[in-house]
């Protein structure tokens, strides 16, 4: 898989889960001190988040990071 392709799928999955949980980008970002514009870039696949950031996001979404990554890899 191409690196950018993975970033896009990861962002879409995070966005899908966030919307499913009825959270705005701002809700998710503020809960774990992530800049909302940075979260937007992650969801758009424009940037590659660190493991620490992914763990913060998965914590707010109340989902295991491994569950997110499995979906991205399918």
C-alpha atoms as a PDB file:
ATOM      1  CA  UNK A   1       0.000   0.000   0.000  1.00  0.00           C
ATOM      2  CA  UNK A   2       1.111   3.505  -0.659  1.00  0.00           C
ATOM      3  CA  UNK A   3       1.780   5.677   2.380  1.00  0.00           C
ATOM      4  CA  UNK A   4      -0.638   8.447   1.350  1.00  0.00           C
ATOM      5  CA  UNK A   5      -3.352   5.885   0.650  1.00  0.00           C
ATOM      6  CA  UNK A   6      -3.078   4.601   4.228  1.00  0.00           C
ATOM      7  CA  UNK A   7      -3.272   8.147   5.629  1.00  0.00           C
ATOM      8  CA  UNK A   8      -6.467   8.760   3.686  1.00  0.00           C
ATOM      9  CA  UNK A   9      -8.101   5.544   4.852  1.00  0.00           C
ATOM     10  CA  UNK A  10      -7.070   6.221   8.448  1.00  0.00           C
ATOM     11  CA  UNK A  11      -8.531   9.720   8.313  1.00  0.00           C
ATOM     12  CA  UNK A  12     -11.788   8.521   6.809  1.00  0.00           C
ATOM     13  CA  UNK A  13     -12.144   5.836   9.464  1.00  0.00           C
ATOM     14  CA  UNK A  14     -11.508   8.295  12.297  1.00  0.00           C
ATOM     15  CA  UNK A  15     -14.038  10.685  10.769  1.00  0.00           C
ATOM     16  CA  UNK A  16     -16.613   7.913  10.339  1.00  0.00           C
ATOM     17  CA  UNK A  17     -16.301   6.775  13.949  1.00  0.00           C
ATOM     18  CA  UNK A  18     -16.363  10.349  15.260  1.00  0.00           C
ATOM     19  CA  UNK A  19     -19.583  11.091  13.357  1.00  0.00           C
ATOM     20  CA  UNK A  20     -21.095   7.784  14.451  1.00  0.00           C
ATOM     21  CA  UNK A  21     -20.462   8.840  18.066  1.00  0.00           C
ATOM     22  CA  UNK A  22     -22.016  12.236  17.294  1.00  0.00           C
ATOM     23  CA  UNK A  23     -18.886  14.210  18.147  1.00  0.00           C
ATOM     24  CA  UNK A  24     -17.725  17.323  16.340  1.00  0.00           C
ATOM     25  CA  UNK A  25     -14.080  17.744  15.452  1.00  0.00           C
ATOM     26  CA  UNK A  26     -13.917  20.395  18.145  1.00  0.00           C
ATOM     27  CA  UNK A  27     -15.393  18.028  20.773  1.00  0.00           C
ATOM     28  CA  UNK A  28     -12.833  15.375  19.975  1.00  0.00           C
ATOM     29  CA  UNK A  29      -9.922  17.800  19.748  1.00  0.00           C
ATOM     30  CA  UNK A  30     -10.663  19.676  22.955  1.00  0.00           C
ATOM     31  CA  UNK A  31     -11.092  16.519  25.000  1.00  0.00           C
ATOM     32  CA  UNK A  32      -7.439  15.512  24.485  1.00  0.00           C
ATOM     33  CA  UNK A  33      -5.795  18.826  23.656  1.00  0.00           C
ATOM     34  CA  UNK A  34      -5.408  18.206  19.948  1.00  0.00           C
ATOM     35  CA  UNK A  35      -5.664  21.232  17.690  1.00  0.00           C
ATOM     36  CA  UNK A  36      -8.930  21.072  15.720  1.00  0.00           C
ATOM     37  CA  UNK A  37      -7.212  22.083  12.483  1.00  0.00           C
ATOM     38  CA  UNK A  38      -4.663  19.285  12.988  1.00  0.00           C
ATOM     39  CA  UNK A  39      -7.523  16.817  13.490  1.00  0.00           C
ATOM     40  CA  UNK A  40      -9.099  18.077  10.257  1.00  0.00           C
ATOM     41  CA  UNK A  41      -5.829  17.433   8.422  1.00  0.00           C
ATOM     42  CA  UNK A  42      -5.708  13.905   9.862  1.00  0.00           C
ATOM     43  CA  UNK A  43      -9.282  13.197   8.763  1.00  0.00           C
ATOM     44  CA  UNK A  44      -8.535  14.536   5.277  1.00  0.00           C
ATOM     45  CA  UNK A  45      -5.456  12.314   5.004  1.00  0.00           C
ATOM     46  CA  UNK A  46      -3.165  15.335   4.650  1.00  0.00           C
ATOM     47  CA  UNK A  47      -0.937  14.484   7.600  1.00  0.00           C
ATOM     48  CA  UNK A  48       0.324  11.430   9.410  1.00  0.00           C
ATOM     49  CA  UNK A  49      -0.473  11.470  13.121  1.00  0.00           C
ATOM     50  CA  UNK A  50       1.937  10.138  15.708  1.00  0.00           C
ATOM     51  CA  UNK A  51       1.141   7.043  17.709  1.00  0.00           C
ATOM     52  CA  UNK A  52       0.576   9.277  20.742  1.00  0.00           C
ATOM     53  CA  UNK A  53      -2.026  11.315  18.837  1.00  0.00           C
ATOM     54  CA  UNK A  54      -3.766   8.180  17.557  1.00  0.00           C
ATOM     55  CA  UNK A  55      -3.965   6.855  21.099  1.00  0.00           C
ATOM     56  CA  UNK A  56      -5.506  10.145  22.267  1.00  0.00           C
ATOM     57  CA  UNK A  57      -8.082  10.009  19.477  1.00  0.00           C
ATOM     58  CA  UNK A  58      -8.982   6.371  20.122  1.00  0.00           C
ATOM     59  CA  UNK A  59      -9.360   7.142  23.827  1.00  0.00           C
ATOM     60  CA  UNK A  60     -11.906   9.901  23.184  1.00  0.00           C
ATOM     61  CA  UNK A  61     -13.730   7.709  20.667  1.00  0.00           C
ATOM     62  CA  UNK A  62     -13.748   4.889  23.243  1.00  0.00           C
ATOM     63  CA  UNK A  63     -12.437   2.391  20.732  1.00  0.00           C
ATOM     64  CA  UNK A  64      -9.241   0.367  20.663  1.00  0.00           C
ATOM     65  CA  UNK A  65      -6.615   1.760  18.323  1.00  0.00           C
ATOM     66  CA  UNK A  66      -6.147  -1.751  16.977  1.00  0.00           C
ATOM     67  CA  UNK A  67      -9.818  -1.804  15.900  1.00  0.00           C
ATOM     68  CA  UNK A  68      -9.297   1.391  13.911  1.00  0.00           C
ATOM     69  CA  UNK A  69      -6.138   0.044  12.304  1.00  0.00           C
ATOM     70  CA  UNK A  70      -7.767  -3.267  11.360  1.00  0.00           C
ATOM     71  CA  UNK A  71     -10.478  -1.369   9.458  1.00  0.00           C
ATOM     72  CA  UNK A  72      -7.863   0.753   7.688  1.00  0.00           C
ATOM     73  CA  UNK A  73      -5.956  -2.339   6.599  1.00  0.00           C
ATOM     74  CA  UNK A  74      -8.991  -4.155   5.142  1.00  0.00           C
END
